[in-house]
């Protein structure tokens, strides 16, 4: 059984899926960390692989950019492929000077002004939460790997190119968001709706308070700390 957006057959995707935004990051993770990795879907070049990590079946599949995109892929994985848990592993822009390039952030919540949840099922909350059980596993994995882990509320934005900075400053100051990305609010919503587990690990790729920024290749291949944490936490 495949879907219009996923060419894998049922049973070809593991119960835990790591979900970067970038298809090339999914390819890098599969080829670098998984044993016997098999490409199970490539519809629209959104690559998905299944293999094993330390004997555990794990899949890694790209989500694309933005909430509509991850909304489709995560819903189908949960609903039609019997996936139990999705760990988003993405890049983020830092909202505070405390977060430096390559720092790893665990989302304690996702705030968004998006209408995604309201349109999907009438949910009116503007802040949604990950699985605390899954977050605990990620904390334990980071501690075992001796990788520093920052935690905080993240901003899931529908807009990448904002005009002006007043709004972003308000989100940071009033909602206490530490970083911004574009997907986790929709992922957390789908997990809640379908009774599944979701979490989000982010690597700081650029900053809104300093001129620091990473290249596309660095975002693809150098964010290995969050990849290792997620793989260790996979069930």
Foldseek 3Di string as FASTA:
>chain_A
DADLAWQADAPQAALEEEEEADQLLQVQLCVPAFDPWDFRGQRVHFTKIWGDGPRHIYMYTYQHAFAVRVLVVLLCCVPPRVHFEYEYEYAWAFADPVADFLAKEWEQKEFEPDCLLCVVPNDDDRIFGFDVVLVVLLVVLCVVVVHDYHYDYAYAYRDDDDDDCPVVVCCCPVVVHGIYGHHVVSNRSSCVVSVHGYIYMYGYAHYPVDGHGHDPVCRSHVSVSSSSSNSSSTD
